[in-house]
Amino acid sequence: MKYIEHKGIRVPCLGLGTYPMQGRQCYDVVRMALDIGYRHIDTAESYHNEEPIGEALENSKIPRNEIFLTTKCGFLDASRENVKKEIESSLVKLRTDYVDLLLYHWHHKETPMNETLDALKEIQSKGLTRNIGVGNFTIPLLKEAKEVHNIDIFTNQFESHPLLRQIPLENYCKKNGILVTAHSPIGRGRAVNNEVLQHIGKKHKKSSVQVAIRWQLEKELRMLVPKSTRREGLEENFDVFDFSLDNDDLKQINEMPNNQRGSRPDFEPHWDPLDE
C-alpha cells in the first residue's frame, strides 16, 4: 500500500468505495477488502450502509488507528442542524468515536455555504472528525470555501478517470494544497472494455482497470476509492503498486475523449471546463 503524507496525516492513497452496496453484501465486501489489505474505507450517510461497515470494522479486530475512515453529510439537507444530527448518527452506526474525514457531500444552493461549513468546523473542534473536506466542488466553490469562509480543506472528492480528466480543477487543488480524491475512478465500468486502456494494460501485463487506477496513482496528492463486490475485483484493484505508466502511456490516455461524466444529479453545479 502507498501512503500519502498530507497536512501531517498519513493516508492510504487507495481506498474502498462502498456505494451502492448495502446490508450483508456491504459487510462481506468490507471484510474481504480488509483481509486483502485495504485500510481506507469511504462511505456516506446517504449510502445507507454505515451500519454494516461499522460491524465489519469492529469484527475485523483491526486497531481503529490503522483505518482511515471517511463519511459524508449534507446530501439532501445541508442545514447546520441536520449536518450535526447526521454525524452523530453516523458515528453510532460506524461504531466509532470519530471519523478521519468528514466531507460536505454536495453543495446545496438553498443553504448558505458558511452555515454548512461552520457546522463542519464545530464538529471537527469537538473531535468527532479529524479532518474536513468537500465533495464535487468546482473551482468557484473551492475559492468561496477557502477565501470567504476560511476553511482548511483536506480534500475535494470528485469524479475523475481517464475519460474525465478535470485538469483545471486538479491544478487548482494542487496549487492550494488540497488533496484530490477520485470517485468513480474506473468510469463506472467504462474503463473495462476501453481499447486504449486494454492496449496499455497488455504491455504491462495488467488489466484496463488496473491501468485506470495506476493513472491516478501517478499523480501527486491523489487518493482514489474504486469499488468492486467480488474478491477477485478487490484483489485486482489492489494489485497496482508493481508497475508504472510511461510517457507514451500517458500520451495515449491524454488523447482519449474527455467528456464521459457519469455523476449528474439534478442539483449538480456548473462544472469547470475540462481543459486549460
Protein backbone atom coordinates (compact mmCIF):
# COMPACT_ATOMS: atom_id res chain seq x y z
CA MET A 1 0.00 0.00 0.00
CA LYS A 2 1.20 3.50 -0.83
CA TYR A 3 0.61 6.20 1.80
CA ILE A 4 0.41 9.97 1.36
CA GLU A 5 1.56 12.49 3.95
CA HIS A 6 -0.90 15.39 3.84
CA LYS A 7 -1.33 18.12 6.46
CA GLY A 8 0.53 15.92 8.92
CA ILE A 9 -1.78 12.96 8.31
CA ARG A 10 -0.66 9.62 6.84
CA VAL A 11 -3.37 8.44 4.44
CA PRO A 12 -3.66 5.24 2.38
CA CYS A 13 -3.90 6.52 -1.20
CA LEU A 14 -6.06 3.60 -2.32
CA GLY A 15 -9.39 3.08 -0.58
CA LEU A 16 -12.59 1.13 -0.97
CA GLY A 17 -15.63 2.88 -2.36
CA THR A 18 -18.83 1.38 -0.97
CA TYR A 19 -21.66 2.95 -2.98
CA PRO A 20 -24.26 1.49 -3.60
CA MET A 21 -23.59 -1.63 -1.52
CA GLN A 22 -25.82 -2.24 1.46
CA GLY A 23 -26.60 -4.88 4.08
CA ARG A 24 -24.86 -8.23 4.09
CA GLN A 25 -23.18 -7.63 0.76
CA CYS A 26 -21.53 -4.47 2.08
CA TYR A 27 -20.42 -6.24 5.26
CA ASP A 28 -18.87 -9.12 3.31
CA VAL A 29 -17.08 -6.84 0.83
CA VAL A 30 -15.58 -4.66 3.57
CA ARG A 31 -14.36 -7.75 5.44
CA MET A 32 -12.79 -9.10 2.23
CA ALA A 33 -11.16 -5.76 1.49
CA LEU A 34 -9.69 -5.51 4.98
CA ASP A 35 -8.38 -9.05 4.67
CA ILE A 36 -6.68 -8.15 1.37
CA GLY A 37 -5.02 -5.14 2.95
CA TYR A 38 -7.29 -2.14 2.38
CA ARG A 39 -7.14 0.35 5.24
CA HIS A 40 -9.15 3.23 3.77
CA ILE A 41 -12.95 2.91 3.68
CA ASP A 42 -15.20 5.51 2.03
CA THR A 43 -18.90 5.79 2.84
CA ALA A 44 -21.64 8.41 3.31
CA GLU A 45 -24.77 8.94 5.36
CA SER A 46 -26.75 8.87 2.12
CA TYR A 47 -25.37 5.44 1.13
CA HIS A 48 -27.34 3.79 3.95
CA ASN A 49 -24.52 1.33 4.57
CA GLU A 50 -22.67 2.76 7.56
CA GLU A 51 -24.13 0.14 9.89
CA PRO A 52 -22.71 -2.93 8.09
CA ILE A 53 -19.42 -1.09 7.63
CA GLY A 54 -19.23 -0.37 11.34
CA GLU A 55 -19.95 -4.01 12.11
CA ALA A 56 -17.30 -5.18 9.63
CA LEU A 57 -14.68 -2.85 11.07
CA GLU A 58 -15.44 -3.92 14.63
CA ASN A 59 -15.43 -7.63 13.83
CA SER A 60 -12.17 -7.35 11.90
CA LYS A 61 -10.32 -6.56 15.16
CA ILE A 62 -8.02 -4.22 13.22
CA PRO A 63 -6.98 -1.35 15.53
CA ARG A 64 -9.02 1.78 14.84
CA ASN A 65 -5.90 3.90 14.34
CA GLU A 66 -4.90 1.72 11.39
CA ILE A 67 -8.10 2.57 9.49
CA PHE A 68 -8.71 5.80 7.58
CA LEU A 69 -12.50 6.17 7.63
CA THR A 70 -14.38 8.72 5.53
CA THR A 71 -18.05 9.57 5.64
CA LYS A 72 -20.10 12.37 4.11
CA CYS A 73 -23.00 14.55 5.17
CA GLY A 74 -25.44 17.09 3.80
CA PHE A 75 -26.58 15.20 0.73
CA LEU A 76 -30.25 16.19 0.90
CA ASP A 77 -30.22 18.66 3.78
CA ALA A 78 -27.12 20.77 4.40
CA SER A 79 -28.52 22.83 7.27
CA ARG A 80 -26.43 23.21 10.41
CA GLU A 81 -28.88 21.19 12.50
CA ASN A 82 -29.09 18.32 10.05
CA VAL A 83 -25.35 18.06 9.44
CA LYS A 84 -24.71 17.79 13.18
CA LYS A 85 -27.51 15.25 13.51
CA GLU A 86 -26.10 13.17 10.66
CA ILE A 87 -22.57 12.90 12.05
CA GLU A 88 -23.88 11.85 15.45
CA SER A 89 -25.94 9.14 13.77
CA SER A 90 -23.03 8.11 11.53
CA LEU A 91 -20.69 7.59 14.46
CA VAL A 92 -23.20 5.32 16.17
CA LYS A 93 -23.67 3.25 13.02
CA LEU A 94 -19.94 3.12 12.32
CA ARG A 95 -19.25 2.07 15.93
CA THR A 96 -16.53 4.67 16.41
CA ASP A 97 -15.95 7.88 18.35
CA TYR A 98 -14.62 9.75 15.33
CA VAL A 99 -14.11 9.61 11.58
CA ASP A 100 -10.83 10.53 9.97
CA LEU A 101 -12.51 12.62 7.31
CA LEU A 102 -15.95 14.22 7.05
CA LEU A 103 -17.00 15.61 3.67
CA TYR A 104 -19.74 18.03 2.72
CA HIS A 105 -21.13 15.69 0.07
CA TRP A 106 -22.57 18.16 -2.48
CA HIS A 107 -23.07 21.91 -2.17
CA HIS A 108 -26.73 22.95 -1.97
CA LYS A 109 -27.56 26.41 -3.27
CA GLU A 110 -30.53 26.79 -0.92
CA THR A 111 -28.26 26.54 2.14
CA PRO A 112 -25.62 29.26 2.64
CA MET A 113 -22.21 27.65 2.35
CA ASN A 114 -20.97 29.20 5.59
CA GLU A 115 -23.81 27.54 7.53
CA THR A 116 -22.74 24.06 6.47
CA LEU A 117 -19.00 24.68 6.70
CA ASP A 118 -19.30 26.28 10.14
CA ALA A 119 -21.12 23.14 11.28
CA LEU A 120 -18.26 21.01 9.95
CA LYS A 121 -15.71 23.17 11.78
CA GLU A 122 -17.69 22.78 15.00
CA ILE A 123 -17.84 19.01 14.52
CA GLN A 124 -14.07 18.98 13.98
CA SER A 125 -13.47 21.12 17.07
CA LYS A 126 -15.32 18.53 19.15
CA GLY A 127 -13.05 15.75 17.86
CA LEU A 128 -15.83 13.93 16.00
CA THR A 129 -13.80 14.16 12.81
CA ARG A 130 -10.06 14.60 12.42
CA ASN A 131 -10.32 16.39 9.06
CA ILE A 132 -12.98 18.10 6.96
CA GLY A 133 -13.33 18.35 3.21
CA VAL A 134 -15.79 18.74 0.39
CA GLY A 135 -17.22 16.69 -2.42
CA ASN A 136 -17.92 17.68 -6.00
CA PHE A 137 -16.79 21.28 -5.51
CA THR A 138 -15.88 23.35 -8.55
CA ILE A 139 -13.12 25.95 -8.57
CA PRO A 140 -15.52 28.83 -7.72
CA LEU A 141 -16.97 26.81 -4.83
CA LEU A 142 -13.48 25.97 -3.55
CA LYS A 143 -12.48 29.63 -3.75
CA GLU A 144 -15.52 30.66 -1.74
CA ALA A 145 -14.86 27.99 0.88
CA LYS A 146 -11.19 28.97 1.24
CA GLU A 147 -11.16 32.71 0.67
CA VAL A 148 -14.54 33.75 2.07
CA HIS A 149 -15.17 31.16 4.78
CA ASN A 150 -11.54 30.35 5.66
CA ILE A 151 -11.91 26.57 5.55
CA ASP A 152 -8.83 24.35 5.70
CA ILE A 153 -9.96 21.82 3.08
CA PHE A 154 -8.28 18.44 3.44
CA THR A 155 -9.62 17.05 0.16
CA ASN A 156 -12.07 17.63 -2.64
CA GLN A 157 -13.64 14.36 -3.79
CA PHE A 158 -14.90 14.45 -7.37
CA GLU A 159 -15.34 12.18 -10.37
CA SER A 160 -12.05 11.51 -12.11
CA HIS A 161 -10.96 8.79 -14.52
CA PRO A 162 -9.13 8.52 -17.86
CA LEU A 163 -12.29 9.54 -19.72
CA LEU A 164 -12.97 12.53 -17.45
CA ARG A 165 -9.73 14.43 -16.92
CA GLN A 166 -10.54 17.58 -14.98
CA ILE A 167 -7.21 19.34 -15.44
CA PRO A 168 -8.06 22.92 -14.30
CA LEU A 169 -9.76 21.62 -11.15
CA GLU A 170 -6.85 19.29 -10.39
CA ASN A 171 -4.37 22.13 -10.90
CA TYR A 172 -6.30 24.45 -8.58
CA CYS A 173 -6.36 21.77 -5.86
CA LYS A 174 -2.63 21.09 -6.25
CA LYS A 175 -1.75 24.79 -6.15
CA ASN A 176 -3.81 25.29 -3.00
CA GLY A 177 -2.69 22.20 -1.09
CA ILE A 178 -5.99 20.34 -1.46
CA LEU A 179 -5.74 16.59 -1.80
CA VAL A 180 -7.79 15.17 -4.68
CA THR A 181 -9.90 12.09 -4.01
CA ALA A 182 -11.13 10.48 -7.21
CA HIS A 183 -14.51 8.81 -7.05
CA SER A 184 -15.71 6.59 -9.90
CA PRO A 185 -12.04 6.08 -10.96
CA ILE A 186 -12.99 3.23 -13.28
CA GLY A 187 -15.53 5.43 -15.04
CA ARG A 188 -18.46 3.41 -13.72
CA GLY A 189 -17.21 0.44 -15.72
CA ARG A 190 -16.26 2.37 -18.86
CA ALA A 191 -12.58 1.54 -18.32
CA VAL A 192 -13.14 -2.21 -18.52
CA ASN A 193 -13.59 -2.51 -22.29
CA ASN A 194 -11.71 0.60 -23.35
CA GLU A 195 -9.35 -0.41 -26.15
CA VAL A 196 -6.66 2.14 -25.33
CA LEU A 197 -6.50 1.07 -21.69
CA GLN A 198 -6.56 -2.58 -22.71
CA HIS A 199 -3.64 -1.97 -25.08
CA ILE A 200 -1.62 -0.22 -22.37
CA GLY A 201 -2.50 -2.97 -19.90
CA LYS A 202 -1.31 -5.69 -22.26
CA LYS A 203 2.12 -4.04 -22.39
CA HIS A 204 2.38 -4.10 -18.60
CA LYS A 205 0.62 -7.46 -18.15
CA LYS A 206 -2.18 -5.66 -16.33
CA SER A 207 -5.90 -5.13 -16.94
CA SER A 208 -7.51 -1.97 -18.28
CA VAL A 209 -8.97 -1.37 -14.82
CA GLN A 210 -5.52 -1.57 -13.23
CA VAL A 211 -4.23 0.94 -15.80
CA ALA A 212 -7.06 3.35 -14.90
CA ILE A 213 -6.21 3.03 -11.21
CA ARG A 214 -2.47 3.36 -11.81
CA TRP A 215 -3.11 6.53 -13.84
CA GLN A 216 -4.45 8.10 -10.64
CA LEU A 217 -1.56 6.87 -8.52
CA GLU A 218 0.96 8.51 -10.86
CA LYS A 219 -0.38 11.92 -9.76
CA GLU A 220 0.69 13.91 -6.71
CA LEU A 221 -1.67 14.48 -3.77
CA ARG A 222 -4.10 11.87 -5.02
CA MET A 223 -6.37 9.33 -3.38
CA LEU A 224 -8.96 7.17 -5.09
CA VAL A 225 -11.78 4.91 -3.98
CA PRO A 226 -12.62 2.23 -6.57
CA LYS A 227 -15.32 -0.32 -5.82
CA SER A 228 -15.79 -3.98 -6.50
CA THR A 229 -18.18 -6.51 -4.99
CA ARG A 230 -16.03 -9.53 -5.89
CA ARG A 231 -12.89 -10.69 -4.11
CA GLU A 232 -11.19 -11.06 -7.49
CA GLY A 233 -12.05 -7.47 -8.33
CA LEU A 234 -10.87 -6.18 -4.96
CA GLU A 235 -7.57 -8.01 -5.39
CA GLU A 236 -7.19 -6.72 -8.95
CA ASN A 237 -7.80 -3.13 -7.84
CA PHE A 238 -5.21 -3.55 -5.08
CA ASP A 239 -2.53 -5.12 -7.29
CA VAL A 240 -1.33 -1.85 -8.83
CA PHE A 241 1.85 -1.00 -6.95
CA ASP A 242 4.34 -3.01 -9.02
CA PHE A 243 4.27 -1.07 -12.31
CA SER A 244 4.25 2.48 -13.63
CA LEU A 245 2.92 4.17 -16.74
CA ASP A 246 5.48 5.67 -19.11
CA ASN A 247 5.23 8.86 -21.13
CA ASP A 248 3.80 7.07 -24.15
CA ASP A 249 1.07 5.51 -21.99
CA LEU A 250 0.16 8.89 -20.56
CA LYS A 251 0.14 10.46 -24.03
CA GLN A 252 -2.32 7.83 -25.27
CA ILE A 253 -4.61 8.43 -22.30
CA ASN A 254 -4.46 12.20 -22.74
CA GLU A 255 -5.57 11.80 -26.36
CA MET A 256 -8.72 9.85 -25.44
CA PRO A 257 -12.17 11.52 -25.35
CA ASN A 258 -12.57 13.66 -22.23
CA ASN A 259 -16.26 14.13 -21.60
CA GLN A 260 -17.73 10.97 -20.10
CA ARG A 261 -19.15 12.29 -16.84
CA GLY A 262 -21.31 9.77 -15.02
CA SER A 263 -22.30 11.61 -11.84
CA ARG A 264 -25.09 14.02 -12.87
CA PRO A 265 -27.62 14.72 -10.09
CA ASP A 266 -30.30 17.30 -10.79
CA PHE A 267 -28.59 19.68 -8.34
CA GLU A 268 -25.14 19.43 -9.93
CA PRO A 269 -23.05 22.61 -10.06
CA HIS A 270 -21.93 24.41 -13.19
CA TRP A 271 -18.89 22.26 -13.88
CA ASP A 272 -15.49 23.72 -14.64
CA PRO A 273 -14.01 23.44 -18.15
CA LEU A 274 -12.19 20.13 -18.60
CA ASP A 275 -9.13 21.58 -20.33
CA GLU A 276 -6.91 24.59 -19.72
